Amino acid sequence: MIKLRRLRCSFCGRNENEVLKLVAGRRVYICDECVAIASRMMKSGSRDDSQSPKVEPTVWSKLLARIRQLLHGDDVQCVSSLSRSD
């Protein structure tokens, strides 16, 4: 038996029968109502475009930065060794 998958908006979760239009992208769908909300958000943006938004570093970028520091010998505070006493 063939099972058809119902398409739903990736943002609000409404299925294709609950919206007027559903626009498909690569593995992403957006309904007409979410497009309207996004459009209003883009138009009402009063942020000065000359200032870029502050982006917090992710855990992975912090970890990679710390690994680089350790590899280059910068700011090494404590290194534990796994040597055995015989």
Protein backbone atom coordinates (compact mmCIF):
# COMPACT_ATOMS: atom_id res chain seq x y z
CA MET A 1 0.00 0.00 0.00
CA ILE A 2 1.30 3.45 -0.92
CA LYS A 3 1.31 5.94 1.93
CA LEU A 4 1.18 9.58 0.83
CA ARG A 5 2.94 12.10 3.01
CA ARG A 6 1.02 15.23 3.95
CA LEU A 7 2.92 18.41 3.28
CA ARG A 8 3.11 20.94 6.11
CA CYS A 9 4.59 24.36 6.72
CA SER A 10 8.06 24.03 8.21
CA PHE A 11 7.45 27.13 10.37
CA CYS A 12 3.93 26.87 11.81
CA GLY A 13 3.19 23.19 11.19
CA ARG A 14 -0.12 23.65 9.39
CA ASN A 15 -0.77 21.01 6.75
CA GLU A 16 -1.54 21.70 3.11
CA ASN A 17 -5.32 21.52 3.71
CA GLU A 18 -5.23 24.26 6.36
CA VAL A 19 -3.54 26.96 4.25
CA LEU A 20 -4.29 28.70 0.96
CA LYS A 21 -0.83 28.24 -0.54
CA LEU A 22 2.21 26.21 0.38
CA VAL A 23 5.52 27.12 -1.26
CA ALA A 24 8.07 24.33 -1.55
CA GLY A 25 11.82 24.68 -1.28
CA ARG A 26 14.48 22.06 -0.77
CA ARG A 27 13.03 19.98 2.06
CA VAL A 28 11.35 23.14 3.41
CA TYR A 29 7.81 24.41 2.98
CA ILE A 30 6.29 27.78 3.94
CA CYS A 31 2.64 28.74 3.95
CA ASP A 32 1.11 32.01 2.78
CA GLU A 33 0.48 33.17 6.37
CA CYS A 34 4.10 32.66 7.42
CA VAL A 35 5.25 34.49 4.28
CA ALA A 36 3.01 37.43 5.27
CA ILE A 37 4.47 37.48 8.80
CA ALA A 38 8.04 37.32 7.48
CA SER A 39 7.29 40.08 4.99
CA ARG A 40 5.94 42.35 7.76
CA MET A 41 9.02 41.63 9.86
CA MET A 42 11.33 42.56 7.00
CA LYS A 43 9.46 45.79 6.24
CA SER A 44 9.18 46.96 9.85
CA GLY A 45 12.90 46.49 10.55
CA SER A 46 14.03 49.80 12.03
CA ARG A 47 17.54 48.53 12.67
CA ASP A 48 20.37 50.59 11.23
CA ASP A 49 21.88 48.50 8.41
CA SER A 50 25.34 49.98 9.01
CA GLN A 51 25.59 48.00 12.26
CA SER A 52 25.77 44.26 11.93
CA PRO A 53 23.96 42.25 14.60
CA LYS A 54 26.11 40.82 17.38
CA VAL A 55 26.49 37.09 16.95
CA GLU A 56 27.39 34.99 19.95
CA PRO A 57 29.98 32.29 19.30
CA THR A 58 28.65 28.76 19.38
CA VAL A 59 29.95 26.04 21.65
CA TRP A 60 31.72 24.41 18.70
CA SER A 61 33.50 27.59 17.68
CA LYS A 62 34.63 28.13 21.30
CA LEU A 63 35.89 24.55 21.45
CA LEU A 64 37.78 24.90 18.16
CA ALA A 65 39.35 28.17 19.35
CA ARG A 66 40.49 26.48 22.56
CA ILE A 67 41.97 23.54 20.62
CA ARG A 68 43.88 25.98 18.40
CA GLN A 69 45.24 27.70 21.51
CA LEU A 70 46.38 24.39 22.95
CA LEU A 71 48.01 23.27 19.70
CA HIS A 72 49.93 26.52 19.34
CA GLY A 73 50.96 26.57 23.00
CA ASP A 74 49.07 29.77 23.82
CA ASP A 75 47.55 30.15 27.25
CA VAL A 76 48.19 26.57 28.39
CA GLN A 77 47.30 26.37 32.08
CA CYS A 78 46.92 22.71 32.97
CA VAL A 79 47.65 19.56 31.04
CA SER A 80 47.09 16.21 32.69
CA SER A 81 49.17 13.24 31.63
CA LEU A 82 48.12 9.65 31.58
CA SER A 83 51.49 8.17 32.44
CA ARG A 84 51.69 5.12 34.70
CA SER A 85 54.09 4.75 37.56
CA ASP A 86 55.74 1.35 37.38
